[in-house]
Amino acid sequence: MSQIKLQNITKTYQVGEDALVAVQDVSLDIQSGDFISIVGHSGSGKTTLLSMIGGITTPTSGRISFEDTDLSAMGSDGLSEYRCRKIGFMFQFASLLPMLTVKENLLLPTMFVPEPERTYASKLDDKAAELLRSVGLLDKINAFPGQLSGGQQRRVAIARSFMNNPKLILADEPTGDLDEKTEQEMINFFKAMNRTEGITFVMVTHNSELARQTQRRLKMHQGSLQTLPSGE
């Protein structure tokens, strides 16, 4: 059974009298533990595709299922639970709340887990500290976002996406504002989490060198998805 299955997914936006096709008839099987990269020019449909997999955007037509459950049958509450429990998001921007400390920003996703199922606060604090250690920012745990560089804020956002033990990470240009050395460190971290925790990754990137480090490479072009042969 596929972890994520896309069947003939199309997303069309109405712009005035014109119909803009962002994603066109995409089908894809993603297995648990896959590490997939998607490359393509800006406007090719990559971000739209991620948002549909994450249950943020609804396809105009086609079917998306997670572990054989149709996302369209979940309803708004079911989709919220799906995003909270199953998915870790890395957006194009860090989007940290400026009035919260680094630790509080990491703990924020756990607030949406029902109280009876929430881990004890001490364990959550330990997990936040461990994730910050993994991205090299444990010393910033009590800092505020305004005291961090853009690259440091990005690493905090990366750590935050793992707080709820996701089964699937959806990463939209997750290393876009990092220097080359730190970028490689974060990719190594992703690969380690993929290998040791079995977390599935779907990563959008403009960096073809990073894409070559993933198990499967795909390309979006004018809303359509194709598999890249090895070495390209």
Protein backbone atom coordinates (compact mmCIF):
# COMPACT_ATOMS: atom_id res chain seq x y z
CA MET A 1 0.00 0.00 0.00
CA SER A 2 1.30 3.44 -0.92
CA GLN A 3 1.67 5.97 1.87
CA ILE A 4 0.56 8.75 -0.48
CA LYS A 5 -1.23 8.10 -3.75
CA LEU A 6 -2.07 10.82 -6.28
CA GLN A 7 -4.45 9.83 -9.04
CA ASN A 8 -4.89 12.21 -11.99
CA ILE A 9 -4.65 15.35 -9.87
CA THR A 10 -5.47 18.66 -11.54
CA LYS A 11 -5.68 22.10 -9.94
CA THR A 12 -7.21 24.99 -11.88
CA TYR A 13 -7.57 28.58 -10.71
CA GLN A 14 -10.06 30.97 -12.24
CA VAL A 15 -8.42 34.31 -13.03
CA GLY A 16 -11.09 36.59 -14.41
CA GLU A 17 -12.42 34.83 -17.48
CA ASP A 18 -9.32 32.68 -17.83
CA ALA A 19 -8.60 29.28 -16.28
CA LEU A 20 -5.04 28.90 -15.01
CA VAL A 21 -3.93 25.27 -14.76
CA ALA A 22 -1.36 25.03 -11.96
CA VAL A 23 -1.16 21.20 -11.83
CA GLN A 24 -2.18 19.03 -14.75
CA ASP A 25 -3.18 15.36 -14.47
CA VAL A 26 -0.47 14.29 -12.03
CA SER A 27 -0.32 10.71 -10.74
CA LEU A 28 2.29 9.58 -8.22
CA ASP A 29 2.83 6.78 -5.70
CA ILE A 30 4.92 7.64 -2.65
CA GLN A 31 6.01 4.78 -0.43
CA SER A 32 6.71 5.06 3.28
CA GLY A 33 10.37 5.99 3.75
CA ASP A 34 10.81 7.51 0.30
CA PHE A 35 12.97 10.62 -0.11
CA ILE A 36 11.75 12.47 -3.19
CA SER A 37 12.92 15.77 -4.63
CA ILE A 38 10.96 17.87 -7.11
CA VAL A 39 12.74 20.46 -9.23
CA GLY A 40 11.34 22.93 -11.74
CA HIS A 41 11.09 26.60 -12.60
CA SER A 42 9.08 29.05 -10.49
CA GLY A 43 5.41 28.81 -11.38
CA SER A 44 5.66 25.21 -12.58
CA GLY A 45 3.23 23.94 -9.91
CA LYS A 46 5.60 22.52 -7.28
CA THR A 47 4.25 24.45 -4.29
CA THR A 48 0.65 23.85 -5.36
CA LEU A 49 1.35 20.13 -5.53
CA LEU A 50 2.82 20.13 -2.00
CA SER A 51 -0.14 22.08 -0.62
CA MET A 52 -2.57 19.53 -2.08
CA ILE A 53 -0.62 16.60 -0.59
CA GLY A 54 -0.69 18.44 2.74
CA GLY A 55 -4.46 18.95 2.62
CA ILE A 56 -4.13 22.74 2.49
CA THR A 57 -5.42 23.09 -1.08
CA THR A 58 -8.18 20.97 -2.63
CA PRO A 59 -7.66 19.51 -6.12
CA THR A 60 -10.08 20.59 -8.83
CA SER A 61 -10.22 16.97 -9.92
CA GLY A 62 -8.51 13.68 -9.09
CA ARG A 63 -7.92 11.84 -5.83
CA ILE A 64 -5.28 12.05 -3.11
CA SER A 65 -5.11 9.37 -0.44
CA PHE A 66 -2.92 8.92 2.64
CA GLU A 67 -2.53 5.33 3.82
CA ASP A 68 -5.55 4.45 1.67
CA THR A 69 -7.79 7.17 3.15
CA ASP A 70 -9.15 9.71 0.66
CA LEU A 71 -8.31 13.26 1.79
CA SER A 72 -11.54 14.57 0.28
CA ALA A 73 -13.53 12.33 2.66
CA MET A 74 -11.83 13.65 5.80
CA GLY A 75 -13.77 16.89 6.24
CA SER A 76 -12.25 20.01 7.78
CA ASP A 77 -11.69 18.45 11.23
CA GLY A 78 -10.19 15.33 9.73
CA LEU A 79 -7.83 17.38 7.55
CA SER A 80 -6.74 19.44 10.56
CA GLU A 81 -5.96 16.23 12.42
CA TYR A 82 -4.12 14.86 9.37
CA ARG A 83 -1.95 17.99 9.15
CA CYS A 84 -1.29 17.98 12.90
CA ARG A 85 -0.50 14.30 13.41
CA LYS A 86 0.89 13.07 10.10
CA ILE A 87 2.57 16.00 8.33
CA GLY A 88 5.55 18.20 9.10
CA PHE A 89 5.67 21.34 6.97
CA MET A 90 8.74 23.32 5.95
CA PHE A 91 7.47 26.40 4.14
CA GLN A 92 9.44 28.78 1.92
CA PHE A 93 9.60 31.25 4.80
CA ALA A 94 10.51 30.49 8.41
CA SER A 95 7.29 32.11 9.73
CA LEU A 96 8.33 32.16 13.37
CA LEU A 97 6.16 34.09 15.82
CA PRO A 98 8.29 37.05 16.94
CA MET A 99 6.80 37.29 20.45
CA LEU A 100 7.71 33.67 21.28
CA THR A 101 11.14 32.32 22.15
CA VAL A 102 12.81 29.70 19.98
CA LYS A 103 11.68 26.94 22.35
CA GLU A 104 8.13 28.28 22.42
CA ASN A 105 8.04 28.38 18.62
CA LEU A 106 9.07 24.72 18.57
CA LEU A 107 6.43 23.77 21.13
CA LEU A 108 3.65 25.60 19.27
CA PRO A 109 2.61 22.65 17.02
CA THR A 110 2.17 20.44 20.10
CA MET A 111 -0.56 22.76 21.39
CA PHE A 112 -2.92 21.41 18.72
CA VAL A 113 -2.61 17.82 19.96
CA PRO A 114 -5.49 16.85 22.30
CA GLU A 115 -4.47 17.15 25.97
CA PRO A 116 -4.87 13.43 26.84
CA GLU A 117 -2.44 12.50 24.06
CA ARG A 118 0.08 15.24 24.66
CA THR A 119 3.49 14.22 25.96
CA TYR A 120 4.42 15.50 29.39
CA ALA A 121 5.84 19.03 29.23
CA SER A 122 9.28 17.89 30.40
CA LYS A 123 9.51 15.39 27.54
CA LEU A 124 8.44 18.03 25.03
CA ASP A 125 11.10 20.37 26.40
CA ASP A 126 13.67 17.61 26.02
CA LYS A 127 12.58 16.95 22.45
CA ALA A 128 12.74 20.62 21.53
CA ALA A 129 16.25 20.80 22.96
CA GLU A 130 17.36 17.68 21.09
CA LEU A 131 16.02 18.99 17.78
CA LEU A 132 17.73 22.33 18.30
CA ARG A 133 20.95 20.47 19.07
CA SER A 134 20.54 18.58 15.80
CA VAL A 135 20.34 21.82 13.81
CA GLY A 136 23.16 23.45 15.79
CA LEU A 137 21.10 25.98 17.72
CA LEU A 138 20.75 24.66 21.25
CA ASP A 139 22.46 27.80 22.55
CA LYS A 140 19.61 29.89 21.05
CA ILE A 141 16.79 28.04 22.83
CA ASN A 142 15.71 31.09 24.84
CA ALA A 143 16.38 33.68 22.14
CA PHE A 144 13.66 35.49 20.22
CA PRO A 145 13.44 35.32 16.40
CA GLY A 146 14.50 38.96 16.10
CA GLN A 147 17.81 38.03 17.71
CA LEU A 148 18.54 35.41 15.04
CA SER A 149 19.87 35.65 11.52
CA GLY A 150 17.68 34.59 8.62
CA GLY A 151 19.57 31.31 8.32
CA GLN A 152 19.17 30.60 12.03
CA GLN A 153 15.44 31.28 11.82
CA ARG A 154 15.28 28.81 8.95
CA ARG A 155 16.96 26.13 11.04
CA VAL A 156 14.51 26.72 13.88
CA ALA A 157 11.64 26.25 11.42
CA ILE A 158 13.26 23.02 10.21
CA ALA A 159 13.48 21.73 13.79
CA ARG A 160 9.87 22.73 14.48
CA SER A 161 8.56 20.56 11.64
CA PHE A 162 9.66 17.41 13.51
CA MET A 163 8.03 18.20 16.86
CA ASN A 164 4.86 16.12 16.35
CA ASN A 165 6.67 13.00 15.09
CA PRO A 166 5.39 13.34 11.51
CA LYS A 167 5.23 10.43 9.12
CA LEU A 168 5.73 12.75 6.15
CA ILE A 169 7.75 15.96 5.71
CA LEU A 170 6.66 18.36 2.98
CA ALA A 171 9.58 20.74 2.40
CA ASP A 172 9.25 23.76 0.10
CA GLU A 173 12.74 25.15 -0.58
CA PRO A 174 13.76 24.29 3.01
CA THR A 175 17.40 25.39 2.60
CA GLY A 176 16.86 28.40 0.36
CA ASP A 177 18.47 30.99 2.65
CA LEU A 178 21.29 28.87 4.08
CA ASP A 179 24.96 29.03 3.16
CA GLU A 180 26.40 26.07 1.30
CA LYS A 181 27.96 24.40 4.35
CA THR A 182 24.83 24.70 6.52
CA GLU A 183 22.64 23.64 3.62
CA GLN A 184 24.58 20.39 3.33
CA GLU A 185 24.38 19.88 7.10
CA MET A 186 20.58 20.19 6.96
CA ILE A 187 20.32 17.76 4.05
CA ASN A 188 22.46 15.30 6.01
CA PHE A 189 20.06 15.78 8.94
CA PHE A 190 17.08 15.07 6.67
CA LYS A 191 18.74 11.93 5.34
CA ALA A 192 19.48 10.76 8.88
CA MET A 193 15.84 11.29 9.94
CA ASN A 194 14.69 9.50 6.80
CA ARG A 195 17.00 6.57 7.50
CA THR A 196 16.65 6.22 11.28
CA GLU A 197 13.04 7.35 11.84
CA GLY A 198 11.57 6.19 8.52
CA ILE A 199 10.13 9.64 7.81
CA THR A 200 9.08 10.18 4.21
CA PHE A 201 10.34 13.37 2.55
CA VAL A 202 8.96 15.25 -0.43
CA MET A 203 11.26 18.21 -1.03
CA VAL A 204 10.89 21.01 -3.55
CA THR A 205 14.20 22.62 -4.45
CA HIS A 206 15.83 24.73 -7.16
CA ASN A 207 19.19 23.20 -6.24
CA SER A 208 19.89 20.35 -8.63
CA GLU A 209 22.93 19.27 -6.59
CA LEU A 210 20.75 18.74 -3.52
CA ALA A 211 18.15 16.95 -5.61
CA ARG A 212 20.78 14.46 -6.78
CA GLN A 213 21.26 13.36 -3.16
CA THR A 214 17.68 12.06 -2.89
CA GLN A 215 16.37 8.62 -3.75
CA ARG A 216 13.94 9.76 -6.45
CA ARG A 217 14.06 12.92 -8.54
CA LEU A 218 11.05 14.41 -10.27
CA LYS A 219 10.56 17.54 -12.35
CA MET A 220 7.54 19.81 -12.66
CA HIS A 221 7.09 21.53 -16.01
CA GLN A 222 3.99 23.59 -16.77
CA GLY A 223 2.01 21.67 -14.18
CA SER A 224 3.05 18.19 -15.33
CA LEU A 225 5.31 15.80 -13.42
CA GLN A 226 8.04 13.64 -14.92
CA THR A 227 10.74 11.38 -13.51
CA LEU A 228 14.32 12.44 -14.09
CA PRO A 229 16.73 9.71 -15.18
CA SER A 230 19.81 9.14 -13.03
CA GLY A 231 22.67 11.50 -13.83
CA GLU A 232 20.51 14.28 -15.28
